[in-house]
Each structure stands twice: as structure tokens, then as C-alpha cells.
Amino acid sequence: MNGDEKHWHLDRRVPIAVIVTLLLQSAAALVWAGSAAERLSVLETRALRIDEMVERTARLEERAKGVTAALERIEAKLER
């Protein structure tokens, strides 16, 4: 093998259209990956907000149980 056969090279028989197509596909893939990353970021933010709402809801349910128990005790005392 001589030195030319060992190295990779671009043959002049490769049409410009193929090169342009590959470049456009690569650019489209990068744009798609960027938009996918943005959507993922939005979903992560929403998930954090939902977690906070679940925690708040649990706290409110506990408070409601406490208020209900207190109200039942008050009603029981009033009935005596």
C-alpha cells in the first residue's frame, strides 16, 4: 500500500447534493435535539411544581382532619 491508500479522502465522484444533504440532516438533528432538551427542561420544571402541590395538598388534608376532629369534640361537649 502506498501512502495515498492508507489515508481517507473524499472522492471527486461524490456529488455536492449528497454533501449538502448530509449537512442539512446534521443541522436538523441538532435543532431537534435542542428542542427535545428544552421540552425536557419544561417537563422537569412542571414535575417539581406538581411535587410541591402534592405536598401542600397532603398538609391541607392533615389540617382538615385536625379541624374535623376538633369540631367533633366541640359538638360532643355541646350535646352533653
N, C-alpha and C. Protein backbone atom coordinates (compact mmCIF):
# COMPACT_ATOMS: atom_id res chain seq x y z
N MET A 1 0.85 -1.18 0.00
CA MET A 1 0.00 0.00 0.00
C MET A 1 0.89 1.24 0.00
N ASN A 2 0.58 2.14 -0.87
CA ASN A 2 1.33 3.39 -0.84
C ASN A 2 0.66 4.37 0.12
N GLY A 3 1.24 5.53 0.34
CA GLY A 3 0.76 6.50 1.32
C GLY A 3 -0.64 7.01 1.02
N ASP A 4 -1.02 7.10 -0.25
CA ASP A 4 -2.35 7.61 -0.61
C ASP A 4 -3.46 6.64 -0.24
N GLU A 5 -3.21 5.37 -0.27
CA GLU A 5 -4.24 4.38 0.01
C GLU A 5 -4.51 4.22 1.51
N LYS A 6 -3.59 4.62 2.35
CA LYS A 6 -3.75 4.47 3.79
C LYS A 6 -4.67 5.54 4.38
N HIS A 7 -4.69 6.70 3.79
CA HIS A 7 -5.46 7.82 4.34
C HIS A 7 -6.82 7.91 3.67
N TRP A 8 -7.79 8.32 4.47
CA TRP A 8 -9.14 8.51 3.95
C TRP A 8 -9.17 9.80 3.15
N HIS A 9 -9.90 9.81 2.06
CA HIS A 9 -10.02 11.02 1.27
C HIS A 9 -11.40 11.05 0.62
N LEU A 10 -11.81 12.23 0.24
CA LEU A 10 -13.10 12.43 -0.40
C LEU A 10 -12.91 12.35 -1.90
N ASP A 11 -13.61 11.43 -2.49
CA ASP A 11 -13.51 11.24 -3.93
C ASP A 11 -14.30 12.33 -4.65
N ARG A 12 -13.80 12.78 -5.77
CA ARG A 12 -14.49 13.83 -6.53
C ARG A 12 -15.78 13.31 -7.15
N ARG A 13 -16.00 12.02 -7.11
CA ARG A 13 -17.23 11.45 -7.68
C ARG A 13 -18.43 11.61 -6.73
N VAL A 14 -18.20 12.04 -5.49
CA VAL A 14 -19.30 12.25 -4.55
C VAL A 14 -19.99 13.57 -4.93
N PRO A 15 -21.27 13.50 -5.27
CA PRO A 15 -21.95 14.72 -5.72
C PRO A 15 -22.11 15.73 -4.58
N ILE A 16 -22.14 16.99 -4.95
CA ILE A 16 -22.33 18.08 -3.99
C ILE A 16 -23.67 17.90 -3.29
N ALA A 17 -24.68 17.42 -3.98
CA ALA A 17 -26.01 17.24 -3.40
C ALA A 17 -25.96 16.30 -2.20
N VAL A 18 -25.16 15.27 -2.26
CA VAL A 18 -25.04 14.33 -1.14
C VAL A 18 -24.41 15.03 0.06
N ILE A 19 -23.37 15.82 -0.18
CA ILE A 19 -22.71 16.53 0.90
C ILE A 19 -23.66 17.54 1.53
N VAL A 20 -24.39 18.30 0.70
CA VAL A 20 -25.35 19.28 1.21
C VAL A 20 -26.45 18.59 1.99
N THR A 21 -26.93 17.47 1.50
CA THR A 21 -27.98 16.72 2.19
C THR A 21 -27.50 16.25 3.56
N LEU A 22 -26.29 15.74 3.62
CA LEU A 22 -25.75 15.30 4.91
C LEU A 22 -25.60 16.47 5.89
N LEU A 23 -25.15 17.61 5.39
CA LEU A 23 -25.03 18.78 6.26
C LEU A 23 -26.39 19.25 6.75
N LEU A 24 -27.39 19.27 5.88
CA LEU A 24 -28.74 19.69 6.29
C LEU A 24 -29.34 18.71 7.29
N GLN A 25 -29.14 17.43 7.07
CA GLN A 25 -29.66 16.43 8.02
C GLN A 25 -28.99 16.58 9.38
N SER A 26 -27.69 16.85 9.38
CA SER A 26 -26.98 17.04 10.64
C SER A 26 -27.50 18.27 11.37
N ALA A 27 -27.72 19.35 10.63
CA ALA A 27 -28.25 20.57 11.24
C ALA A 27 -29.65 20.33 11.80
N ALA A 28 -30.48 19.62 11.06
CA ALA A 28 -31.84 19.32 11.52
C ALA A 28 -31.79 18.46 12.78
N ALA A 29 -30.87 17.51 12.83
CA ALA A 29 -30.75 16.65 14.02
C ALA A 29 -30.34 17.49 15.24
N LEU A 30 -29.45 18.45 15.05
CA LEU A 30 -29.03 19.31 16.16
C LEU A 30 -30.18 20.19 16.64
N VAL A 31 -30.96 20.72 15.71
CA VAL A 31 -32.11 21.55 16.08
C VAL A 31 -33.12 20.70 16.84
N TRP A 32 -33.37 19.49 16.35
CA TRP A 32 -34.33 18.60 17.01
C TRP A 32 -33.86 18.26 18.43
N ALA A 33 -32.57 17.98 18.57
CA ALA A 33 -32.03 17.64 19.90
C ALA A 33 -32.15 18.84 20.85
N GLY A 34 -31.94 20.03 20.34
CA GLY A 34 -32.09 21.22 21.17
C GLY A 34 -33.52 21.42 21.62
N SER A 35 -34.47 21.22 20.72
CA SER A 35 -35.87 21.38 21.10
C SER A 35 -36.31 20.28 22.06
N ALA A 36 -35.78 19.09 21.89
CA ALA A 36 -36.11 17.99 22.82
C ALA A 36 -35.57 18.31 24.21
N ALA A 37 -34.38 18.87 24.28
CA ALA A 37 -33.81 19.24 25.57
C ALA A 37 -34.65 20.33 26.24
N GLU A 38 -35.14 21.28 25.45
CA GLU A 38 -35.98 22.34 26.01
C GLU A 38 -37.30 21.77 26.55
N ARG A 39 -37.92 20.85 25.79
CA ARG A 39 -39.16 20.23 26.26
C ARG A 39 -38.92 19.45 27.54
N LEU A 40 -37.81 18.77 27.62
CA LEU A 40 -37.47 18.00 28.82
C LEU A 40 -37.30 18.93 30.02
N SER A 41 -36.67 20.07 29.80
CA SER A 41 -36.49 21.05 30.87
C SER A 41 -37.83 21.56 31.38
N VAL A 42 -38.75 21.83 30.45
CA VAL A 42 -40.08 22.31 30.84
C VAL A 42 -40.81 21.23 31.64
N LEU A 43 -40.71 19.99 31.22
CA LEU A 43 -41.37 18.90 31.94
C LEU A 43 -40.78 18.71 33.33
N GLU A 44 -39.48 18.86 33.47
CA GLU A 44 -38.86 18.74 34.79
C GLU A 44 -39.36 19.84 35.72
N THR A 45 -39.48 21.05 35.19
CA THR A 45 -39.99 22.16 35.99
C THR A 45 -41.42 21.89 36.44
N ARG A 46 -42.24 21.39 35.53
CA ARG A 46 -43.63 21.06 35.87
C ARG A 46 -43.68 19.97 36.93
N ALA A 47 -42.82 18.98 36.81
CA ALA A 47 -42.80 17.89 37.79
C ALA A 47 -42.46 18.42 39.18
N LEU A 48 -41.53 19.37 39.26
CA LEU A 48 -41.19 19.95 40.57
C LEU A 48 -42.37 20.71 41.15
N ARG A 49 -43.09 21.43 40.30
CA ARG A 49 -44.27 22.16 40.77
C ARG A 49 -45.34 21.20 41.25
N ILE A 50 -45.52 20.11 40.53
CA ILE A 50 -46.53 19.13 40.92
C ILE A 50 -46.17 18.51 42.27
N ASP A 51 -44.88 18.23 42.47
CA ASP A 51 -44.43 17.69 43.76
C ASP A 51 -44.77 18.64 44.89
N GLU A 52 -44.55 19.94 44.65
CA GLU A 52 -44.88 20.93 45.68
C GLU A 52 -46.38 20.94 45.96
N MET A 53 -47.19 20.83 44.92
CA MET A 53 -48.64 20.83 45.10
C MET A 53 -49.10 19.59 45.85
N VAL A 54 -48.49 18.46 45.58
CA VAL A 54 -48.85 17.23 46.29
C VAL A 54 -48.54 17.38 47.78
N GLU A 55 -47.39 17.97 48.08
CA GLU A 55 -47.03 18.17 49.48
C GLU A 55 -48.00 19.14 50.17
N ARG A 56 -48.34 20.22 49.48
CA ARG A 56 -49.30 21.16 50.06
C ARG A 56 -50.66 20.50 50.28
N THR A 57 -51.09 19.72 49.33
CA THR A 57 -52.38 19.03 49.44
C THR A 57 -52.38 18.08 50.64
N ALA A 58 -51.29 17.37 50.83
CA ALA A 58 -51.19 16.45 51.97
C ALA A 58 -51.27 17.23 53.29
N ARG A 59 -50.58 18.38 53.33
CA ARG A 59 -50.64 19.19 54.56
C ARG A 59 -52.06 19.69 54.82
N LEU A 60 -52.72 20.15 53.76
CA LEU A 60 -54.09 20.64 53.92
C LEU A 60 -55.04 19.53 54.36
N GLU A 61 -54.84 18.32 53.85
CA GLU A 61 -55.68 17.21 54.28
C GLU A 61 -55.48 16.92 55.76
N GLU A 62 -54.26 16.98 56.23
CA GLU A 62 -53.99 16.75 57.64
C GLU A 62 -54.63 17.84 58.50
N ARG A 63 -54.53 19.08 58.04
CA ARG A 63 -55.18 20.17 58.77
C ARG A 63 -56.69 19.97 58.82
N ALA A 64 -57.26 19.56 57.68
CA ALA A 64 -58.71 19.34 57.63
C ALA A 64 -59.12 18.23 58.60
N LYS A 65 -58.31 17.19 58.69
CA LYS A 65 -58.61 16.12 59.64
C LYS A 65 -58.57 16.65 61.08
N GLY A 66 -57.58 17.48 61.38
CA GLY A 66 -57.48 18.07 62.71
C GLY A 66 -58.66 18.97 63.03
N VAL A 67 -59.07 19.77 62.06
CA VAL A 67 -60.21 20.66 62.25
C VAL A 67 -61.48 19.84 62.44
N THR A 68 -61.63 18.79 61.66
CA THR A 68 -62.81 17.92 61.79
C THR A 68 -62.85 17.27 63.17
N ALA A 69 -61.70 16.81 63.64
CA ALA A 69 -61.65 16.18 64.96
C ALA A 69 -62.00 17.20 66.05
N ALA A 70 -61.47 18.41 65.91
CA ALA A 70 -61.77 19.45 66.90
C ALA A 70 -63.25 19.80 66.88
N LEU A 71 -63.81 19.91 65.72
CA LEU A 71 -65.23 20.22 65.59
C LEU A 71 -66.09 19.11 66.20
N GLU A 72 -65.71 17.87 66.00
CA GLU A 72 -66.46 16.76 66.59
C GLU A 72 -66.38 16.81 68.12
N ARG A 73 -65.21 17.17 68.66
CA ARG A 73 -65.09 17.29 70.12
C ARG A 73 -65.96 18.42 70.64
N ILE A 74 -65.99 19.52 69.93
CA ILE A 74 -66.83 20.66 70.35
C ILE A 74 -68.30 20.26 70.32
N GLU A 75 -68.71 19.59 69.26
CA GLU A 75 -70.12 19.17 69.14
C GLU A 75 -70.47 18.19 70.25
N ALA A 76 -69.55 17.29 70.58
CA ALA A 76 -69.79 16.33 71.65
C ALA A 76 -69.97 17.03 72.99
N LYS A 77 -69.18 18.04 73.25
CA LYS A 77 -69.31 18.79 74.51
C LYS A 77 -70.60 19.57 74.56
N LEU A 78 -71.00 20.11 73.41
CA LEU A 78 -72.24 20.88 73.38
C LEU A 78 -73.47 19.98 73.58
N GLU A 79 -73.39 18.74 73.17
CA GLU A 79 -74.52 17.82 73.30
C GLU A 79 -74.67 17.33 74.74
N ARG A 80 -73.66 17.43 75.55
CA ARG A 80 -73.75 16.94 76.92
C ARG A 80 -74.63 17.79 77.75
